[in-house]
Amino acid sequence: MSLSEARFHDLVDATQQALEDLFDESDLDLDLENSAGVLTVKFDNGSQLIFSRQEPLRQLWLAARSGGFHFDYDQESKKWMCDTTDELLGEMLVRIVSEQSGEKLDFDEI
């Protein structure tokens, strides 16, 4: 079953807000920018994470130092899942944030 446009935007908005909250509450030295549906996380070492919505595909995209990843919303688990590896967004973020910042954050709620 395909997501409706409204449901897709609600899910991305909720995910980006949860990510902002998680990063805000962390002790990491970073800058957050959320503009036009794109959430950018800038670490103090200059690396970035960029979360963007791809409305025509109903996907959430993540650009990181290690590459670009596309996530579909899995209705069963109620989480975003990578379309090539089936890895959950939260699982991938634990690894990527550690690689880019040297710190470990808990993304279980994502």
PDB file of N, CA and C in Angstrom:
ATOM      1  N   MET A   1       0.833  -1.180   0.000  1.00  0.00           N
ATOM      2  CA  MET A   1       0.000   0.000   0.000  1.00  0.00           C
ATOM      3  C   MET A   1       0.882   1.249   0.000  1.00  0.00           C
ATOM      4  N   SER A   2       0.605   2.140  -0.900  1.00  0.00           N
ATOM      5  CA  SER A   2       1.371   3.367  -1.037  1.00  0.00           C
ATOM      6  C   SER A   2       0.882   4.410  -0.036  1.00  0.00           C
ATOM      7  N   LEU A   3       1.803   5.223   0.440  1.00  0.00           N
ATOM      8  CA  LEU A   3       1.451   6.298   1.357  1.00  0.00           C
ATOM      9  C   LEU A   3       0.765   7.426   0.602  1.00  0.00           C
ATOM     10  N   SER A   4      -0.235   8.008   1.221  1.00  0.00           N
ATOM     11  CA  SER A   4      -0.817   9.210   0.635  1.00  0.00           C
ATOM     12  C   SER A   4       0.187  10.352   0.803  1.00  0.00           C
ATOM     13  N   GLU A   5       0.029  11.384   0.013  1.00  0.00           N
ATOM     14  CA  GLU A   5       0.939  12.525   0.099  1.00  0.00           C
ATOM     15  C   GLU A   5       0.917  13.145   1.499  1.00  0.00           C
ATOM     16  N   ALA A   6      -0.281  13.315   2.047  1.00  0.00           N
ATOM     17  CA  ALA A   6      -0.414  13.920   3.370  1.00  0.00           C
ATOM     18  C   ALA A   6       0.251  13.055   4.443  1.00  0.00           C
ATOM     19  N   ARG A   7       0.005  11.760   4.385  1.00  0.00           N
ATOM     20  CA  ARG A   7       0.602  10.834   5.375  1.00  0.00           C
ATOM     21  C   ARG A   7       2.122  10.847   5.243  1.00  0.00           C
ATOM     22  N   PHE A   8       2.633  10.833   4.031  1.00  0.00           N
ATOM     23  CA  PHE A   8       4.074  10.878   3.801  1.00  0.00           C
ATOM     24  C   PHE A   8       4.682  12.127   4.450  1.00  0.00           C
ATOM     25  N   HIS A   9       4.074  13.285   4.202  1.00  0.00           N
ATOM     26  CA  HIS A   9       4.608  14.523   4.776  1.00  0.00           C
ATOM     27  C   HIS A   9       4.529  14.505   6.304  1.00  0.00           C
ATOM     28  N   ASP A  10       3.438  13.978   6.850  1.00  0.00           N
ATOM     29  CA  ASP A  10       3.317  13.865   8.307  1.00  0.00           C
ATOM     30  C   ASP A  10       4.425  12.994   8.883  1.00  0.00           C
ATOM     31  N   LEU A  11       4.707  11.870   8.227  1.00  0.00           N
ATOM     32  CA  LEU A  11       5.747  10.952   8.709  1.00  0.00           C
ATOM     33  C   LEU A  11       7.132  11.588   8.636  1.00  0.00           C
ATOM     34  N   VAL A  12       7.430  12.250   7.534  1.00  0.00           N
ATOM     35  CA  VAL A  12       8.739  12.902   7.407  1.00  0.00           C
ATOM     36  C   VAL A  12       8.866  14.031   8.426  1.00  0.00           C
ATOM     37  N   ASP A  13       7.821  14.845   8.569  1.00  0.00           N
ATOM     38  CA  ASP A  13       7.857  15.933   9.549  1.00  0.00           C
ATOM     39  C   ASP A  13       8.109  15.389  10.960  1.00  0.00           C
ATOM     40  N   ALA A  14       7.406  14.333  11.325  1.00  0.00           N
ATOM     41  CA  ALA A  14       7.568  13.744  12.661  1.00  0.00           C
ATOM     42  C   ALA A  14       8.977  13.179  12.838  1.00  0.00           C
ATOM     43  N   THR A  15       9.504  12.543  11.805  1.00  0.00           N
ATOM     44  CA  THR A  15      10.849  11.974  11.881  1.00  0.00           C
ATOM     45  C   THR A  15      11.886  13.075  12.015  1.00  0.00           C
ATOM     46  N   GLN A  16      11.760  14.120  11.207  1.00  0.00           N
ATOM     47  CA  GLN A  16      12.724  15.219  11.281  1.00  0.00           C
ATOM     48  C   GLN A  16      12.646  15.925  12.632  1.00  0.00           C
ATOM     49  N   GLN A  17      11.457  16.078  13.175  1.00  0.00           N
ATOM     50  CA  GLN A  17      11.324  16.706  14.496  1.00  0.00           C
ATOM     51  C   GLN A  17      11.960  15.834  15.571  1.00  0.00           C
ATOM     52  N   ALA A  18      11.742  14.532  15.497  1.00  0.00           N
ATOM     53  CA  ALA A  18      12.353  13.607  16.461  1.00  0.00           C
ATOM     54  C   ALA A  18      13.880  13.655  16.362  1.00  0.00           C
ATOM     55  N   LEU A  19      14.397  13.741  15.134  1.00  0.00           N
ATOM     56  CA  LEU A  19      15.847  13.854  14.949  1.00  0.00           C
ATOM     57  C   LEU A  19      16.371  15.167  15.530  1.00  0.00           C
ATOM     58  N   GLU A  20      15.683  16.259  15.248  1.00  0.00           N
ATOM     59  CA  GLU A  20      16.090  17.550  15.812  1.00  0.00           C
ATOM     60  C   GLU A  20      16.122  17.492  17.334  1.00  0.00           C
ATOM     61  N   ASP A  21      15.083  16.940  17.934  1.00  0.00           N
ATOM     62  CA  ASP A  21      15.015  16.831  19.390  1.00  0.00           C
ATOM     63  C   ASP A  21      16.163  15.996  19.929  1.00  0.00           C
ATOM     64  N   LEU A  22      16.430  14.876  19.284  1.00  0.00           N
ATOM     65  CA  LEU A  22      17.491  13.989  19.735  1.00  0.00           C
ATOM     66  C   LEU A  22      18.853  14.679  19.652  1.00  0.00           C
ATOM     67  N   PHE A  23      19.110  15.340  18.523  1.00  0.00           N
ATOM     68  CA  PHE A  23      20.388  16.037  18.382  1.00  0.00           C
ATOM     69  C   PHE A  23      20.480  17.219  19.348  1.00  0.00           C
ATOM     70  N   ASP A  24      19.379  17.952  19.552  1.00  0.00           N
ATOM     71  CA  ASP A  24      19.369  19.074  20.500  1.00  0.00           C
ATOM     72  C   ASP A  24      19.698  18.613  21.918  1.00  0.00           C
ATOM     73  N   GLU A  25      19.186  17.450  22.294  1.00  0.00           N
ATOM     74  CA  GLU A  25      19.372  16.940  23.648  1.00  0.00           C
ATOM     75  C   GLU A  25      20.719  16.260  23.848  1.00  0.00           C
ATOM     76  N   SER A  26      21.452  16.030  22.774  1.00  0.00           N
ATOM     77  CA  SER A  26      22.763  15.385  22.885  1.00  0.00           C
ATOM     78  C   SER A  26      23.801  16.410  23.331  1.00  0.00           C
ATOM     79  N   ASP A  27      24.967  15.928  23.691  1.00  0.00           N
ATOM     80  CA  ASP A  27      26.066  16.811  24.086  1.00  0.00           C
ATOM     81  C   ASP A  27      26.980  17.130  22.907  1.00  0.00           C
ATOM     82  N   LEU A  28      26.550  16.753  21.698  1.00  0.00           N
ATOM     83  CA  LEU A  28      27.382  16.985  20.523  1.00  0.00           C
ATOM     84  C   LEU A  28      27.425  18.471  20.167  1.00  0.00           C
ATOM     85  N   ASP A  29      28.585  18.910  19.701  1.00  0.00           N
ATOM     86  CA  ASP A  29      28.739  20.269  19.213  1.00  0.00           C
ATOM     87  C   ASP A  29      28.340  20.267  17.746  1.00  0.00           C
ATOM     88  N   LEU A  30      27.135  20.761  17.453  1.00  0.00           N
ATOM     89  CA  LEU A  30      26.629  20.737  16.078  1.00  0.00           C
ATOM     90  C   LEU A  30      25.658  21.866  15.845  1.00  0.00           C
ATOM     91  N   ASP A  31      25.371  22.101  14.573  1.00  0.00           N
ATOM     92  CA  ASP A  31      24.370  23.080  14.175  1.00  0.00           C
ATOM     93  C   ASP A  31      23.276  22.351  13.416  1.00  0.00           C
ATOM     94  N   LEU A  32      22.041  22.742  13.665  1.00  0.00           N
ATOM     95  CA  LEU A  32      20.885  22.171  12.983  1.00  0.00           C
ATOM     96  C   LEU A  32      20.204  23.249  12.150  1.00  0.00           C
ATOM     97  N   GLU A  33      19.807  22.865  10.961  1.00  0.00           N
ATOM     98  CA  GLU A  33      19.051  23.778  10.114  1.00  0.00           C
ATOM     99  C   GLU A  33      17.938  22.981   9.450  1.00  0.00           C
ATOM    100  N   ASN A  34      16.706  23.470   9.596  1.00  0.00           N
ATOM    101  CA  ASN A  34      15.568  22.822   8.955  1.00  0.00           C
ATOM    102  C   ASN A  34      14.887  23.871   8.090  1.00  0.00           C
ATOM    103  N   SER A  35      14.998  23.672   6.778  1.00  0.00           N
ATOM    104  CA  SER A  35      14.454  24.651   5.854  1.00  0.00           C
ATOM    105  C   SER A  35      13.872  23.941   4.641  1.00  0.00           C
ATOM    106  N   ALA A  36      12.640  24.282   4.298  1.00  0.00           N
ATOM    107  CA  ALA A  36      11.962  23.733   3.124  1.00  0.00           C
ATOM    108  C   ALA A  36      11.966  22.204   3.111  1.00  0.00           C
ATOM    109  N   GLY A  37      11.774  21.605   4.282  1.00  0.00           N
ATOM    110  CA  GLY A  37      11.686  20.155   4.355  1.00  0.00           C
ATOM    111  C   GLY A  37      13.014  19.432   4.328  1.00  0.00           C
ATOM    112  N   VAL A  38      14.118  20.180   4.437  1.00  0.00           N
ATOM    113  CA  VAL A  38      15.453  19.577   4.458  1.00  0.00           C
ATOM    114  C   VAL A  38      16.082  19.865   5.821  1.00  0.00           C
ATOM    115  N   LEU A  39      16.467  18.806   6.522  1.00  0.00           N
ATOM    116  CA  LEU A  39      17.131  18.929   7.816  1.00  0.00           C
ATOM    117  C   LEU A  39      18.618  18.680   7.615  1.00  0.00           C
ATOM    118  N   THR A  40      19.425  19.676   7.972  1.00  0.00           N
ATOM    119  CA  THR A  40      20.877  19.551   7.851  1.00  0.00           C
ATOM    120  C   THR A  40      21.493  19.567   9.239  1.00  0.00           C
ATOM    121  N   VAL A  41      22.333  18.577   9.504  1.00  0.00           N
ATOM    122  CA  VAL A  41      23.066  18.466  10.756  1.00  0.00           C
ATOM    123  C   VAL A  41      24.533  18.701  10.424  1.00  0.00           C
ATOM    124  N   LYS A  42      25.114  19.755  10.996  1.00  0.00           N
ATOM    125  CA  LYS A  42      26.512  20.097  10.733  1.00  0.00           C
ATOM    126  C   LYS A  42      27.319  19.848  11.996  1.00  0.00           C
ATOM    127  N   PHE A  43      28.248  18.892  11.908  1.00  0.00           N
ATOM    128  CA  PHE A  43      29.106  18.561  13.042  1.00  0.00           C
ATOM    129  C   PHE A  43      30.274  19.536  13.119  1.00  0.00           C
ATOM    130  N   ASP A  44      30.899  19.626  14.290  1.00  0.00           N
ATOM    131  CA  ASP A  44      31.982  20.592  14.472  1.00  0.00           C
ATOM    132  C   ASP A  44      33.213  20.290  13.612  1.00  0.00           C
ATOM    133  N   ASN A  45      33.324  19.062  13.095  1.00  0.00           N
ATOM    134  CA  ASN A  45      34.452  18.709  12.228  1.00  0.00           C
ATOM    135  C   ASN A  45      34.189  19.037  10.756  1.00  0.00           C
ATOM    136  N   GLY A  46      33.053  19.668  10.480  1.00  0.00           N
ATOM    137  CA  GLY A  46      32.723  20.064   9.117  1.00  0.00           C
ATOM    138  C   GLY A  46      31.881  19.068   8.343  1.00  0.00           C
ATOM    139  N   SER A  47      31.740  17.844   8.838  1.00  0.00           N
ATOM    140  CA  SER A  47      30.914  16.862   8.129  1.00  0.00           C
ATOM    141  C   SER A  47      29.437  17.149   8.396  1.00  0.00           C
ATOM    142  N   GLN A  48      28.589  16.623   7.519  1.00  0.00           N
ATOM    143  CA  GLN A  48      27.159  16.896   7.601  1.00  0.00           C
ATOM    144  C   GLN A  48      26.323  15.646   7.361  1.00  0.00           C
ATOM    145  N   LEU A  49      25.110  15.703   7.861  1.00  0.00           N
ATOM    146  CA  LEU A  49      24.052  14.774   7.493  1.00  0.00           C
ATOM    147  C   LEU A  49      22.934  15.627   6.911  1.00  0.00           C
ATOM    148  N   ILE A  50      22.387  15.194   5.788  1.00  0.00           N
ATOM    149  CA  ILE A  50      21.297  15.934   5.170  1.00  0.00           C
ATOM    150  C   ILE A  50      20.129  14.980   4.944  1.00  0.00           C
ATOM    151  N   PHE A  51      19.005  15.307   5.573  1.00  0.00           N
ATOM    152  CA  PHE A  51      17.781  14.509   5.453  1.00  0.00           C
ATOM    153  C   PHE A  51      16.816  15.284   4.565  1.00  0.00           C
ATOM    154  N   SER A  52      16.380  14.670   3.483  1.00  0.00           N
ATOM    155  CA  SER A  52      15.452  15.352   2.583  1.00  0.00           C
ATOM    156  C   SER A  52      14.319  14.420   2.170  1.00  0.00           C
ATOM    157  N   ARG A  53      13.194  15.021   1.874  1.00  0.00           N
ATOM    158  CA  ARG A  53      12.029  14.241   1.442  1.00  0.00           C
ATOM    159  C   ARG A  53      12.016  14.189  -0.078  1.00  0.00           C
ATOM    160  N   GLN A  54      11.709  13.039  -0.601  1.00  0.00           N
ATOM    161  CA  GLN A  54      11.556  12.861  -2.042  1.00  0.00           C
ATOM    162  C   GLN A  54      10.104  12.473  -2.287  1.00  0.00           C
ATOM    163  N   GLU A  55       9.294  13.509  -2.434  1.00  0.00           N
ATOM    164  CA  GLU A  55       7.842  13.325  -2.504  1.00  0.00           C
ATOM    165  C   GLU A  55       7.393  12.380  -3.619  1.00  0.00           C
ATOM    166  N   PRO A  56       7.903  12.511  -4.858  1.00  0.00           N
ATOM    167  CA  PRO A  56       7.398  11.623  -5.924  1.00  0.00           C
ATOM    168  C   PRO A  56       7.617  10.134  -5.623  1.00  0.00           C
ATOM    169  N   LEU A  57       8.702   9.839  -4.895  1.00  0.00           N
ATOM    170  CA  LEU A  57       9.023   8.439  -4.571  1.00  0.00           C
ATOM    171  C   LEU A  57       8.521   8.040  -3.186  1.00  0.00           C
ATOM    172  N   ARG A  58       8.014   9.018  -2.436  1.00  0.00           N
ATOM    173  CA  ARG A  58       7.574   8.795  -1.054  1.00  0.00           C
ATOM    174  C   ARG A  58       8.724   8.206  -0.230  1.00  0.00           C
ATOM    175  N   GLN A  59       9.910   8.794  -0.389  1.00  0.00           N
ATOM    176  CA  GLN A  59      11.092   8.333   0.324  1.00  0.00           C
ATOM    177  C   GLN A  59      11.706   9.464   1.140  1.00  0.00           C
ATOM    178  N   LEU A  60      12.415   9.064   2.182  1.00  0.00           N
ATOM    179  CA  LEU A  60      13.253   9.950   2.972  1.00  0.00           C
ATOM    180  C   LEU A  60      14.682   9.634   2.560  1.00  0.00           C
ATOM    181  N   TRP A  61      15.421  10.645   2.148  1.00  0.00           N
ATOM    182  CA  TRP A  61      16.799  10.442   1.709  1.00  0.00           C
ATOM    183  C   TRP A  61      17.756  10.994   2.742  1.00  0.00           C
ATOM    184  N   LEU A  62      18.883  10.295   2.887  1.00  0.00           N
ATOM    185  CA  LEU A  62      19.947  10.699   3.801  1.00  0.00           C
ATOM    186  C   LEU A  62      21.247  10.784   3.024  1.00  0.00           C
ATOM    187  N   ALA A  63      21.881  11.944   3.085  1.00  0.00           N
ATOM    188  CA  ALA A  63      23.219  12.119   2.511  1.00  0.00           C
ATOM    189  C   ALA A  63      24.188  12.212   3.680  1.00  0.00           C
ATOM    190  N   ALA A  64      25.214  11.380   3.638  1.00  0.00           N
ATOM    191  CA  ALA A  64      26.227  11.334   4.696  1.00  0.00           C
ATOM    192  C   ALA A  64      27.596  11.217   4.042  1.00  0.00           C
ATOM    193  N   ARG A  65      28.625  11.338   4.843  1.00  0.00           N
ATOM    194  CA  ARG A  65      29.979  11.206   4.317  1.00  0.00           C
ATOM    195  C   ARG A  65      30.184   9.855   3.651  1.00  0.00           C
ATOM    196  N   SER A  66      29.522   8.826   4.164  1.00  0.00           N
ATOM    197  CA  SER A  66      29.687   7.464   3.640  1.00  0.00           C
ATOM    198  C   SER A  66      28.814   7.173   2.422  1.00  0.00           C
ATOM    199  N   GLY A  67      27.936   8.117   2.037  1.00  0.00           N
ATOM    200  CA  GLY A  67      27.129   7.894   0.844  1.00  0.00           C
ATOM    201  C   GLY A  67      25.714   8.418   0.979  1.00  0.00           C
ATOM    202  N   GLY A  68      24.912   8.100  -0.018  1.00  0.00           N
ATOM    203  CA  GLY A  68      23.516   8.486  -0.028  1.00  0.00           C
ATOM    204  C   GLY A  68      22.635   7.262   0.169  1.00  0.00           C
ATOM    205  N   PHE A  69      21.587   7.424   0.960  1.00  0.00           N
ATOM    206  CA  PHE A  69      20.716   6.302   1.307  1.00  0.00           C
ATOM    207  C   PHE A  69      19.267   6.727   1.142  1.00  0.00           C
ATOM    208  N   HIS A  70      18.444   5.793   0.658  1.00  0.00           N
ATOM    209  CA  HIS A  70      17.018   6.062   0.412  1.00  0.00           C
ATOM    210  C   HIS A  70      16.197   5.149   1.308  1.00  0.00           C
ATOM    211  N   PHE A  71      15.209   5.733   1.972  1.00  0.00           N
ATOM    212  CA  PHE A  71      14.396   4.991   2.935  1.00  0.00           C
ATOM    213  C   PHE A  71      12.927   5.030   2.549  1.00  0.00           C
ATOM    214  N   ASP A  72      12.310   3.852   2.600  1.00  0.00           N
ATOM    215  CA  ASP A  72      10.868   3.715   2.433  1.00  0.00           C
ATOM    216  C   ASP A  72      10.267   3.510   3.816  1.00  0.00           C
ATOM    217  N   TYR A  73       9.042   3.986   4.010  1.00  0.00           N
ATOM    218  CA  TYR A  73       8.372   3.768   5.282  1.00  0.00           C
ATOM    219  C   TYR A  73       7.783   2.367   5.305  1.00  0.00           C
ATOM    220  N   ASP A  74       8.182   1.591   6.300  1.00  0.00           N
ATOM    221  CA  ASP A  74       7.678   0.227   6.447  1.00  0.00           C
ATOM    222  C   ASP A  74       6.466   0.256   7.372  1.00  0.00           C
ATOM    223  N   GLN A  75       5.297  -0.044   6.811  1.00  0.00           N
ATOM    224  CA  GLN A  75       4.049   0.012   7.578  1.00  0.00           C
ATOM    225  C   GLN A  75       4.040  -0.974   8.749  1.00  0.00           C
ATOM    226  N   GLU A  76       4.687  -2.120   8.550  1.00  0.00           N
ATOM    227  CA  GLU A  76       4.668  -3.156   9.580  1.00  0.00           C
ATOM    228  C   GLU A  76       5.451  -2.739  10.822  1.00  0.00           C
ATOM    229  N   SER A  77       6.691  -2.293  10.623  1.00  0.00           N
ATOM    230  CA  SER A  77       7.532  -1.909  11.762  1.00  0.00           C
ATOM    231  C   SER A  77       7.295  -0.457  12.186  1.00  0.00           C
ATOM    232  N   LYS A  78       6.616   0.302  11.314  1.00  0.00           N
ATOM    233  CA  LYS A  78       6.373   1.720  11.537  1.00  0.00           C
ATOM    234  C   LYS A  78       7.682   2.493  11.658  1.00  0.00           C
ATOM    235  N   LYS A  79       8.642   2.115  10.803  1.00  0.00           N
ATOM    236  CA  LYS A  79       9.957   2.765  10.780  1.00  0.00           C
ATOM    237  C   LYS A  79      10.418   2.916   9.342  1.00  0.00           C
ATOM    238  N   TRP A  80      11.377   3.807   9.134  1.00  0.00           N
ATOM    239  CA  TRP A  80      11.973   3.998   7.818  1.00  0.00           C
ATOM    240  C   TRP A  80      13.034   2.936   7.586  1.00  0.00           C
ATOM    241  N   MET A  81      12.992   2.293   6.408  1.00  0.00           N
ATOM    242  CA  MET A  81      13.894   1.189   6.088  1.00  0.00           C
ATOM    243  C   MET A  81      14.630   1.499   4.783  1.00  0.00           C
ATOM    244  N   CYS A  82      15.946   1.275   4.782  1.00  0.00           N
ATOM    245  CA  CYS A  82      16.760   1.518   3.595  1.00  0.00           C
ATOM    246  C   CYS A  82      16.305   0.598   2.465  1.00  0.00           C
ATOM    247  N   ASP A  83      16.132   1.168   1.277  1.00  0.00           N
ATOM    248  CA  ASP A  83      15.597   0.383   0.159  1.00  0.00           C
ATOM    249  C   ASP A  83      16.606  -0.579  -0.461  1.00  0.00           C
ATOM    250  N   THR A  84      17.885  -0.491  -0.080  1.00  0.00           N
ATOM    251  CA  THR A  84      18.884  -1.420  -0.630  1.00  0.00           C
ATOM    252  C   THR A  84      19.398  -2.416   0.402  1.00  0.00           C
ATOM    253  N   THR A  85      19.415  -2.018   1.686  1.00  0.00           N
ATOM    254  CA  THR A  85      20.004  -2.903   2.706  1.00  0.00           C
ATOM    255  C   THR A  85      18.983  -3.422   3.716  1.00  0.00           C
ATOM    256  N   ASP A  86      17.774  -2.871   3.707  1.00  0.00           N
ATOM    257  CA  ASP A  86      16.727  -3.186   4.694  1.00  0.00           C
ATOM    258  C   ASP A  86      17.129  -2.803   6.121  1.00  0.00           C
ATOM    259  N   GLU A  87      18.156  -1.976   6.256  1.00  0.00           N
ATOM    260  CA  GLU A  87      18.567  -1.487   7.567  1.00  0.00           C
ATOM    261  C   GLU A  87      17.629  -0.356   7.975  1.00  0.00           C
ATOM    262  N   LEU A  88      17.243  -0.334   9.230  1.00  0.00           N
ATOM    263  CA  LEU A  88      16.382   0.728   9.728  1.00  0.00           C
ATOM    264  C   LEU A  88      17.170   2.027   9.842  1.00  0.00           C
ATOM    265  N   LEU A  89      16.493   3.145   9.640  1.00  0.00           N
ATOM    266  CA  LEU A  89      17.135   4.449   9.715  1.00  0.00           C
ATOM    267  C   LEU A  89      17.863   4.629  11.045  1.00  0.00           C
ATOM    268  N   GLY A  90      17.209   4.296  12.135  1.00  0.00           N
ATOM    269  CA  GLY A  90      17.828   4.455  13.454  1.00  0.00           C
ATOM    270  C   GLY A  90      19.101   3.645  13.612  1.00  0.00           C
ATOM    271  N   GLU A  91      19.093   2.424  13.108  1.00  0.00           N
ATOM    272  CA  GLU A  91      20.287   1.573  13.177  1.00  0.00           C
ATOM    273  C   GLU A  91      21.429   2.185  12.377  1.00  0.00           C
ATOM    274  N   MET A  92      21.107   2.658  11.184  1.00  0.00           N
ATOM    275  CA  MET A  92      22.130   3.253  10.331  1.00  0.00           C
ATOM    276  C   MET A  92      22.682   4.529  10.961  1.00  0.00           C
ATOM    277  N   LEU A  93      21.821   5.317  11.581  1.00  0.00           N
ATOM    278  CA  LEU A  93      22.275   6.564  12.183  1.00  0.00           C
ATOM    279  C   LEU A  93      23.234   6.338  13.346  1.00  0.00           C
ATOM    280  N   VAL A  94      23.040   5.282  14.112  1.00  0.00           N
ATOM    281  CA  VAL A  94      23.980   4.974  15.198  1.00  0.00           C
ATOM    282  C   VAL A  94      25.391   4.860  14.615  1.00  0.00           C
ATOM    283  N   ARG A  95      25.516   4.119  13.533  1.00  0.00           N
ATOM    284  CA  ARG A  95      26.817   3.906  12.894  1.00  0.00           C
ATOM    285  C   ARG A  95      27.352   5.185  12.245  1.00  0.00           C
ATOM    286  N   ILE A  96      26.511   5.851  11.472  1.00  0.00           N
ATOM    287  CA  ILE A  96      26.963   7.024  10.724  1.00  0.00           C
ATOM    288  C   ILE A  96      27.339   8.179  11.656  1.00  0.00           C
ATOM    289  N   VAL A  97      26.535   8.440  12.668  1.00  0.00           N
ATOM    290  CA  VAL A  97      26.851   9.523  13.606  1.00  0.00           C
ATOM    291  C   VAL A  97      28.144   9.216  14.345  1.00  0.00           C
ATOM    292  N   SER A  98      28.352   7.965  14.712  1.00  0.00           N
ATOM    293  CA  SER A  98      29.601   7.571  15.365  1.00  0.00           C
ATOM    294  C   SER A  98      30.796   7.793  14.438  1.00  0.00           C
ATOM    295  N   GLU A  99      30.637   7.424  13.152  1.00  0.00           N
ATOM    296  CA  GLU A  99      31.714   7.613  12.175  1.00  0.00           C
ATOM    297  C   GLU A  99      32.028   9.095  11.975  1.00  0.00           C
ATOM    298  N   GLN A 100      30.996   9.928  11.934  1.00  0.00           N
ATOM    299  CA  GLN A 100      31.195  11.332  11.607  1.00  0.00           C
ATOM    300  C   GLN A 100      31.502  12.208  12.807  1.00  0.00           C
ATOM    301  N   SER A 101      31.064  11.818  13.990  1.00  0.00           N
ATOM    302  CA  SER A 101      31.264  12.672  15.165  1.00  0.00           C
ATOM    303  C   SER A 101      32.168  12.043  16.219  1.00  0.00           C
ATOM    304  N   GLY A 102      32.335  10.722  16.138  1.00  0.00           N
ATOM    305  CA  GLY A 102      33.107  10.031  17.161  1.00  0.00           C
ATOM    306  C   GLY A 102      32.300   9.738  18.417  1.00  0.00           C
ATOM    307  N   GLU A 103      31.025  10.090  18.402  1.00  0.00           N
ATOM    308  CA  GLU A 103      30.153   9.876  19.562  1.00  0.00           C
ATOM    309  C   GLU A 103      29.043   8.895  19.217  1.00  0.00           C
ATOM    310  N   LYS A 104      28.544   8.218  20.245  1.00  0.00           N
ATOM    311  CA  LYS A 104      27.454   7.273  20.035  1.00  0.00           C
ATOM    312  C   LYS A 104      26.166   7.842  20.611  1.00  0.00           C
ATOM    313  N   LEU A 105      25.145   7.899  19.763  1.00  0.00           N
ATOM    314  CA  LEU A 105      23.817   8.340  20.187  1.00  0.00           C
ATOM    315  C   LEU A 105      22.838   7.193  20.023  1.00  0.00           C
ATOM    316  N   ASP A 106      21.761   7.249  20.779  1.00  0.00           N
ATOM    317  CA  ASP A 106      20.719   6.234  20.728  1.00  0.00           C
ATOM    318  C   ASP A 106      19.587   6.720  19.825  1.00  0.00           C
ATOM    319  N   PHE A 107      19.359   5.998  18.739  1.00  0.00           N
ATOM    320  CA  PHE A 107      18.310   6.364  17.795  1.00  0.00           C
ATOM    321  C   PHE A 107      17.179   5.337  17.799  1.00  0.00           C
ATOM    322  N   ASP A 108      16.961   4.658  18.910  1.00  0.00           N
ATOM    323  CA  ASP A 108      15.924   3.625  18.991  1.00  0.00           C
ATOM    324  C   ASP A 108      14.537   4.159  18.628  1.00  0.00           C
ATOM    325  N   GLU A 109      14.255   5.401  18.982  1.00  0.00           N
ATOM    326  CA  GLU A 109      12.906   5.944  18.755  1.00  0.00           C
ATOM    327  C   GLU A 109      12.684   6.354  17.305  1.00  0.00           C
ATOM    328  N   ILE A 110      13.712   6.381  16.509  1.00  0.00           N
ATOM    329  CA  ILE A 110      13.595   6.826  15.110  1.00  0.00           C
ATOM    330  C   ILE A 110      13.149   5.683  14.234  1.00  0.00           C
TER     331      ILE A 110
END
